[in-house]
Amino acid sequence: MGKKRLEDAIQKIDYPIEVTYRCFELDPTMERDVNVKMDEALAKKYGMSIEQAKENNQRMVQMAKETGLDYNLDTLILTNTFDAHRLTMLAKKHGLMIEMTERILYAYFTESKHIGDHQTLTELAVEVGLEREEVEKMLASDEMAEEVRADQQQAIQYGITGVPFFLINKKYALNGAQPTDVFIQALEKVIAEEQS
């Protein structure tokens, strides 16, 4: 409902809006293959009990559901996301970054796919229209690593320490999951400034 309301508001605004995804690793030190569940990882990271972590995850699942998203955090596979970010940068070269990013996010949060696994990433990339051979070659190399690091460096310059983080017109920052009204107000403020 919230996503639909935001889309409706954007259409009413009648102002060109471009969304750009950026690369950001929450934990660059994480291994590709992790034998820990999300609840356990959160409990350890934030010094809370497993039960508290489960409750937090259930709140997140509920918030996602209220906006039309289906999160399965109980079966989510933790992994290092650097190669997934490299894949999104390759997709960007082909004008498919949004499609690739959204496909990876859906695979991760909803389908519980291992998005650190090269075979999984290759299959997801082919689904959105990238060439299998190009993706396999890129994943077997260091290609696109500099582009990912440049995005991450920009995040550091903006003081970003977590996601989601939204930067509107490089001036207005929205940190964390925000209600739809907050986005609408921010967009309206930016547009009013642009038109004056």
C-alpha atoms as a PDB file:
ATOM      1  CA  MET A   1       0.000   0.000   0.000  1.00  0.00           C
ATOM      2  CA  GLY A   2       2.792   2.439   0.909  1.00  0.00           C
ATOM      3  CA  LYS A   3       4.727   1.758  -2.293  1.00  0.00           C
ATOM      4  CA  LYS A   4       1.593   2.249  -4.429  1.00  0.00           C
ATOM      5  CA  ARG A   5       0.790   5.489  -2.597  1.00  0.00           C
ATOM      6  CA  LEU A   6       4.324   6.769  -3.199  1.00  0.00           C
ATOM      7  CA  GLU A   7       4.126   5.847  -6.900  1.00  0.00           C
ATOM      8  CA  ASP A   8       0.776   7.656  -7.167  1.00  0.00           C
ATOM      9  CA  ALA A   9       2.237  10.722  -5.465  1.00  0.00           C
ATOM     10  CA  ILE A  10       5.236  10.732  -7.802  1.00  0.00           C
ATOM     11  CA  GLN A  11       2.903  10.652 -10.827  1.00  0.00           C
ATOM     12  CA  LYS A  12       0.932  13.612  -9.447  1.00  0.00           C
ATOM     13  CA  ILE A  13       4.105  15.609  -8.900  1.00  0.00           C
ATOM     14  CA  ASP A  14       4.760  15.634 -12.672  1.00  0.00           C
ATOM     15  CA  TYR A  15       8.497  16.092 -12.266  1.00  0.00           C
ATOM     16  CA  PRO A  16      11.190  13.801 -13.693  1.00  0.00           C
ATOM     17  CA  ILE A  17      12.529  11.522 -10.977  1.00  0.00           C
ATOM     18  CA  GLU A  18      15.514   9.265 -11.498  1.00  0.00           C
ATOM     19  CA  VAL A  19      16.400   6.519  -9.038  1.00  0.00           C
ATOM     20  CA  THR A  20      20.018   5.406  -8.840  1.00  0.00           C
ATOM     21  CA  TYR A  21      21.091   2.455  -6.734  1.00  0.00           C
ATOM     22  CA  ARG A  22      24.521   2.612  -5.135  1.00  0.00           C
ATOM     23  CA  CYS A  23      26.818  -0.090  -3.789  1.00  0.00           C
ATOM     24  CA  PHE A  24      27.104  -0.420  -0.026  1.00  0.00           C
ATOM     25  CA  GLU A  25      28.311  -3.414   1.972  1.00  0.00           C
ATOM     26  CA  LEU A  26      26.991  -3.673   5.500  1.00  0.00           C
ATOM     27  CA  ASP A  27      29.789  -6.079   6.409  1.00  0.00           C
ATOM     28  CA  PRO A  28      32.700  -6.175   3.926  1.00  0.00           C
ATOM     29  CA  THR A  29      34.487  -8.719   6.159  1.00  0.00           C
ATOM     30  CA  MET A  30      31.751 -11.338   5.811  1.00  0.00           C
ATOM     31  CA  GLU A  31      32.760 -14.554   4.084  1.00  0.00           C
ATOM     32  CA  ARG A  32      31.035 -15.833   0.948  1.00  0.00           C
ATOM     33  CA  ASP A  33      29.816 -18.963   2.724  1.00  0.00           C
ATOM     34  CA  VAL A  34      28.428 -18.320   6.197  1.00  0.00           C
ATOM     35  CA  ASN A  35      26.975 -21.028   8.418  1.00  0.00           C
ATOM     36  CA  VAL A  36      25.027 -18.685  10.664  1.00  0.00           C
ATOM     37  CA  LYS A  37      21.377 -17.681  10.561  1.00  0.00           C
ATOM     38  CA  MET A  38      20.264 -14.060  10.451  1.00  0.00           C
ATOM     39  CA  ASP A  39      18.945 -14.155  14.054  1.00  0.00           C
ATOM     40  CA  GLU A  40      22.282 -15.389  15.363  1.00  0.00           C
ATOM     41  CA  ALA A  41      24.273 -12.828  13.368  1.00  0.00           C
ATOM     42  CA  LEU A  42      22.140  -9.925  14.596  1.00  0.00           C
ATOM     43  CA  ALA A  43      22.261 -11.125  18.191  1.00  0.00           C
ATOM     44  CA  LYS A  44      26.052 -11.267  18.061  1.00  0.00           C
ATOM     45  CA  LYS A  45      26.479  -7.963  16.212  1.00  0.00           C
ATOM     46  CA  TYR A  46      24.190  -5.939  18.491  1.00  0.00           C
ATOM     47  CA  GLY A  47      24.739  -7.800  21.774  1.00  0.00           C
ATOM     48  CA  MET A  48      21.151  -8.983  22.137  1.00  0.00           C
ATOM     49  CA  SER A  49      19.522 -12.310  22.789  1.00  0.00           C
ATOM     50  CA  ILE A  50      18.461 -14.602  19.955  1.00  0.00           C
ATOM     51  CA  GLU A  51      14.846 -13.985  21.000  1.00  0.00           C
ATOM     52  CA  GLN A  52      15.283 -10.210  20.707  1.00  0.00           C
ATOM     53  CA  ALA A  53      16.879 -10.664  17.291  1.00  0.00           C
ATOM     54  CA  LYS A  54      13.965 -12.867  16.191  1.00  0.00           C
ATOM     55  CA  GLU A  55      11.486 -10.238  17.390  1.00  0.00           C
ATOM     56  CA  ASN A  56      13.353  -7.530  15.472  1.00  0.00           C
ATOM     57  CA  ASN A  57      13.330  -9.666  12.355  1.00  0.00           C
ATOM     58  CA  GLN A  58       9.612 -10.331  12.713  1.00  0.00           C
ATOM     59  CA  ARG A  59       8.999  -6.572  12.936  1.00  0.00           C
ATOM     60  CA  MET A  60      11.029  -6.125   9.754  1.00  0.00           C
ATOM     61  CA  VAL A  61       9.047  -8.868   8.005  1.00  0.00           C
ATOM     62  CA  GLN A  62       5.800  -7.195   9.080  1.00  0.00           C
ATOM     63  CA  MET A  63       6.957  -3.746   7.915  1.00  0.00           C
ATOM     64  CA  ALA A  64       7.938  -5.247   4.572  1.00  0.00           C
ATOM     65  CA  LYS A  65       4.573  -6.974   4.262  1.00  0.00           C
ATOM     66  CA  GLU A  66       2.763  -3.676   4.896  1.00  0.00           C
ATOM     67  CA  THR A  67       4.516  -2.208   1.855  1.00  0.00           C
ATOM     68  CA  GLY A  68       3.841  -5.230  -0.343  1.00  0.00           C
ATOM     69  CA  LEU A  69       7.164  -7.027   0.112  1.00  0.00           C
ATOM     70  CA  ASP A  70       7.540 -10.658   1.126  1.00  0.00           C
ATOM     71  CA  TYR A  71      10.670 -11.105   3.276  1.00  0.00           C
ATOM     72  CA  ASN A  72      11.777 -14.531   4.485  1.00  0.00           C
ATOM     73  CA  LEU A  73      14.456 -13.660   7.012  1.00  0.00           C
ATOM     74  CA  ASP A  74      14.290 -17.091   8.684  1.00  0.00           C
ATOM     75  CA  THR A  75      15.712 -18.744   5.564  1.00  0.00           C
ATOM     76  CA  LEU A  76      17.819 -15.855   4.237  1.00  0.00           C
ATOM     77  CA  ILE A  77      21.387 -16.890   3.342  1.00  0.00           C
ATOM     78  CA  LEU A  78      23.979 -14.495   4.726  1.00  0.00           C
ATOM     79  CA  THR A  79      26.927 -13.896   2.418  1.00  0.00           C
ATOM     80  CA  ASN A  80      29.482 -11.374   1.248  1.00  0.00           C
ATOM     81  CA  THR A  81      27.717  -9.150  -1.297  1.00  0.00           C
ATOM     82  CA  PHE A  82      30.749  -7.688  -3.107  1.00  0.00           C
ATOM     83  CA  ASP A  83      30.314  -9.852  -6.217  1.00  0.00           C
ATOM     84  CA  ALA A  84      26.590  -9.067  -6.313  1.00  0.00           C
ATOM     85  CA  HIS A  85      27.525  -5.379  -6.314  1.00  0.00           C
ATOM     86  CA  ARG A  86      30.033  -5.966  -9.113  1.00  0.00           C
ATOM     87  CA  LEU A  87      27.242  -7.602 -11.090  1.00  0.00           C
ATOM     88  CA  THR A  88      24.984  -4.582 -10.623  1.00  0.00           C
ATOM     89  CA  MET A  89      27.768  -2.364 -11.965  1.00  0.00           C
ATOM     90  CA  LEU A  90      28.115  -4.600 -15.016  1.00  0.00           C
ATOM     91  CA  ALA A  91      24.356  -4.379 -15.478  1.00  0.00           C
ATOM     92  CA  LYS A  92      24.617  -0.587 -15.241  1.00  0.00           C
ATOM     93  CA  LYS A  93      26.853  -0.607 -18.333  1.00  0.00           C
ATOM     94  CA  HIS A  94      23.966  -2.249 -20.186  1.00  0.00           C
ATOM     95  CA  GLY A  95      21.218  -0.008 -18.785  1.00  0.00           C
ATOM     96  CA  LEU A  96      19.919  -2.803 -16.548  1.00  0.00           C
ATOM     97  CA  MET A  97      21.114  -1.756 -13.096  1.00  0.00           C
ATOM     98  CA  ILE A  98      17.669  -1.236 -11.602  1.00  0.00           C
ATOM     99  CA  GLU A  99      16.403  -4.554 -12.966  1.00  0.00           C
ATOM    100  CA  MET A 100      19.514  -6.386 -11.771  1.00  0.00           C
ATOM    101  CA  THR A 101      19.463  -4.800  -8.317  1.00  0.00           C
ATOM    102  CA  GLU A 102      15.776  -5.536  -7.821  1.00  0.00           C
ATOM    103  CA  ARG A 103      16.248  -9.125  -9.015  1.00  0.00           C
ATOM    104  CA  ILE A 104      19.126  -9.661  -6.575  1.00  0.00           C
ATOM    105  CA  LEU A 105      17.157  -8.141  -3.689  1.00  0.00           C
ATOM    106  CA  TYR A 106      14.158 -10.358  -4.452  1.00  0.00           C
ATOM    107  CA  ALA A 107      16.399 -13.426  -4.710  1.00  0.00           C
ATOM    108  CA  TYR A 108      17.992 -12.583  -1.365  1.00  0.00           C
ATOM    109  CA  PHE A 109      15.077 -11.434   0.789  1.00  0.00           C
ATOM    110  CA  THR A 110      12.207 -13.430  -0.694  1.00  0.00           C
ATOM    111  CA  GLU A 111      13.620 -16.520  -2.414  1.00  0.00           C
ATOM    112  CA  SER A 112      16.495 -17.119   0.041  1.00  0.00           C
ATOM    113  CA  LYS A 113      19.015 -17.574  -2.767  1.00  0.00           C
ATOM    114  CA  HIS A 114      22.758 -17.494  -2.146  1.00  0.00           C
ATOM    115  CA  ILE A 115      23.668 -14.192  -3.801  1.00  0.00           C
ATOM    116  CA  GLY A 116      27.369 -14.664  -3.098  1.00  0.00           C
ATOM    117  CA  ASP A 117      27.432 -17.771  -5.274  1.00  0.00           C
ATOM    118  CA  HIS A 118      28.656 -17.108  -8.820  1.00  0.00           C
ATOM    119  CA  GLN A 119      26.334 -19.643 -10.424  1.00  0.00           C
ATOM    120  CA  THR A 120      23.325 -18.079  -8.705  1.00  0.00           C
ATOM    121  CA  LEU A 121      24.416 -14.585  -9.762  1.00  0.00           C
ATOM    122  CA  THR A 122      24.922 -15.747 -13.332  1.00  0.00           C
ATOM    123  CA  GLU A 123      21.425 -17.224 -13.506  1.00  0.00           C
ATOM    124  CA  LEU A 124      19.902 -14.041 -12.086  1.00  0.00           C
ATOM    125  CA  ALA A 125      21.849 -11.936 -14.594  1.00  0.00           C
ATOM    126  CA  VAL A 126      20.667 -14.022 -17.538  1.00  0.00           C
ATOM    127  CA  GLU A 127      17.079 -13.616 -16.312  1.00  0.00           C
ATOM    128  CA  VAL A 128      17.348  -9.823 -16.608  1.00  0.00           C
ATOM    129  CA  GLY A 129      18.978  -9.943 -20.042  1.00  0.00           C
ATOM    130  CA  LEU A 130      22.736 -10.026 -19.539  1.00  0.00           C
ATOM    131  CA  GLU A 131      24.892 -12.404 -21.584  1.00  0.00           C
ATOM    132  CA  ARG A 132      25.967 -15.505 -19.653  1.00  0.00           C
ATOM    133  CA  GLU A 133      29.535 -15.513 -21.005  1.00  0.00           C
ATOM    134  CA  GLU A 134      30.135 -11.858 -20.148  1.00  0.00           C
ATOM    135  CA  VAL A 135      28.817 -12.362 -16.609  1.00  0.00           C
ATOM    136  CA  GLU A 136      30.882 -15.503 -16.022  1.00  0.00           C
ATOM    137  CA  LYS A 137      34.027 -13.763 -17.303  1.00  0.00           C
ATOM    138  CA  MET A 138      33.398 -10.719 -15.093  1.00  0.00           C
ATOM    139  CA  LEU A 139      32.746 -12.800 -11.970  1.00  0.00           C
ATOM    140  CA  ALA A 140      35.950 -14.812 -12.552  1.00  0.00           C
ATOM    141  CA  SER A 141      37.962 -11.578 -12.659  1.00  0.00           C
ATOM    142  CA  ASP A 142      38.332  -8.371 -10.659  1.00  0.00           C
ATOM    143  CA  GLU A 143      36.321  -6.421 -13.232  1.00  0.00           C
ATOM    144  CA  MET A 144      33.955  -3.773 -11.818  1.00  0.00           C
ATOM    145  CA  ALA A 145      35.693  -3.841  -8.410  1.00  0.00           C
ATOM    146  CA  GLU A 146      36.943  -0.265  -8.829  1.00  0.00           C
ATOM    147  CA  GLU A 147      33.435   0.941  -9.650  1.00  0.00           C
ATOM    148  CA  VAL A 148      32.035  -0.706  -6.524  1.00  0.00           C
ATOM    149  CA  ARG A 149      34.803   0.773  -4.363  1.00  0.00           C
ATOM    150  CA  ALA A 150      34.154   4.238  -5.844  1.00  0.00           C
ATOM    151  CA  ASP A 151      30.476   3.988  -4.831  1.00  0.00           C
ATOM    152  CA  GLN A 152      31.465   2.864  -1.360  1.00  0.00           C
ATOM    153  CA  GLN A 153      33.930   5.738  -1.045  1.00  0.00           C
ATOM    154  CA  GLN A 154      31.197   8.180  -1.998  1.00  0.00           C
ATOM    155  CA  ALA A 155      28.997   6.717   0.747  1.00  0.00           C
ATOM    156  CA  ILE A 156      31.791   7.348   3.262  1.00  0.00           C
ATOM    157  CA  GLN A 157      32.045  10.963   2.076  1.00  0.00           C
ATOM    158  CA  TYR A 158      28.309  11.415   2.651  1.00  0.00           C
ATOM    159  CA  GLY A 159      28.606   9.858   6.112  1.00  0.00           C
ATOM    160  CA  ILE A 160      26.423   6.868   5.262  1.00  0.00           C
ATOM    161  CA  THR A 161      26.787   4.062   7.803  1.00  0.00           C
ATOM    162  CA  GLY A 162      23.776   1.874   7.040  1.00  0.00           C
ATOM    163  CA  VAL A 163      20.996   1.061   4.630  1.00  0.00           C
ATOM    164  CA  PRO A 164      18.467   1.918   3.491  1.00  0.00           C
ATOM    165  CA  PHE A 165      19.727   5.445   2.930  1.00  0.00           C
ATOM    166  CA  PHE A 166      18.142   7.840   0.465  1.00  0.00           C
ATOM    167  CA  LEU A 167      19.825  10.962  -0.833  1.00  0.00           C
ATOM    168  CA  ILE A 168      17.577  13.306  -2.778  1.00  0.00           C
ATOM    169  CA  ASN A 169      19.242  15.847  -5.076  1.00  0.00           C
ATOM    170  CA  LYS A 170      22.466  15.375  -3.102  1.00  0.00           C
ATOM    171  CA  LYS A 171      20.919  17.597  -0.399  1.00  0.00           C
ATOM    172  CA  TYR A 172      18.255  15.773   1.587  1.00  0.00           C
ATOM    173  CA  ALA A 173      19.006  12.525   3.383  1.00  0.00           C
ATOM    174  CA  LEU A 174      16.494   9.975   4.621  1.00  0.00           C
ATOM    175  CA  ASN A 175      18.023   7.275   6.772  1.00  0.00           C
ATOM    176  CA  GLY A 176      16.360   3.951   7.510  1.00  0.00           C
ATOM    177  CA  ALA A 177      12.900   2.704   6.637  1.00  0.00           C
ATOM    178  CA  GLN A 178      10.643   5.746   6.522  1.00  0.00           C
ATOM    179  CA  PRO A 179       6.878   6.129   6.150  1.00  0.00           C
ATOM    180  CA  THR A 180       5.575   7.013   2.690  1.00  0.00           C
ATOM    181  CA  ASP A 181       4.565  10.500   3.856  1.00  0.00           C
ATOM    182  CA  VAL A 182       8.188  11.328   4.693  1.00  0.00           C
ATOM    183  CA  PHE A 183       9.252  10.543   1.116  1.00  0.00           C
ATOM    184  CA  ILE A 184       6.371  12.512  -0.347  1.00  0.00           C
ATOM    185  CA  GLN A 185       7.202  15.551   1.798  1.00  0.00           C
ATOM    186  CA  ALA A 186      10.883  15.363   0.868  1.00  0.00           C
ATOM    187  CA  LEU A 187      10.107  15.071  -2.848  1.00  0.00           C
ATOM    188  CA  GLU A 188       7.634  17.937  -2.704  1.00  0.00           C
ATOM    189  CA  LYS A 189      10.205  20.125  -0.922  1.00  0.00           C
ATOM    190  CA  VAL A 190      12.889  19.385  -3.521  1.00  0.00           C
ATOM    191  CA  ILE A 191      10.509  20.019  -6.410  1.00  0.00           C
ATOM    192  CA  ALA A 192       9.305  23.314  -4.894  1.00  0.00           C
ATOM    193  CA  GLU A 193      12.917  24.443  -4.584  1.00  0.00           C
ATOM    194  CA  GLU A 194      13.718  23.386  -8.141  1.00  0.00           C
ATOM    195  CA  GLN A 195      10.701  25.246  -9.546  1.00  0.00           C
ATOM    196  CA  SER A 196      11.328  28.467  -7.642  1.00  0.00           C
END
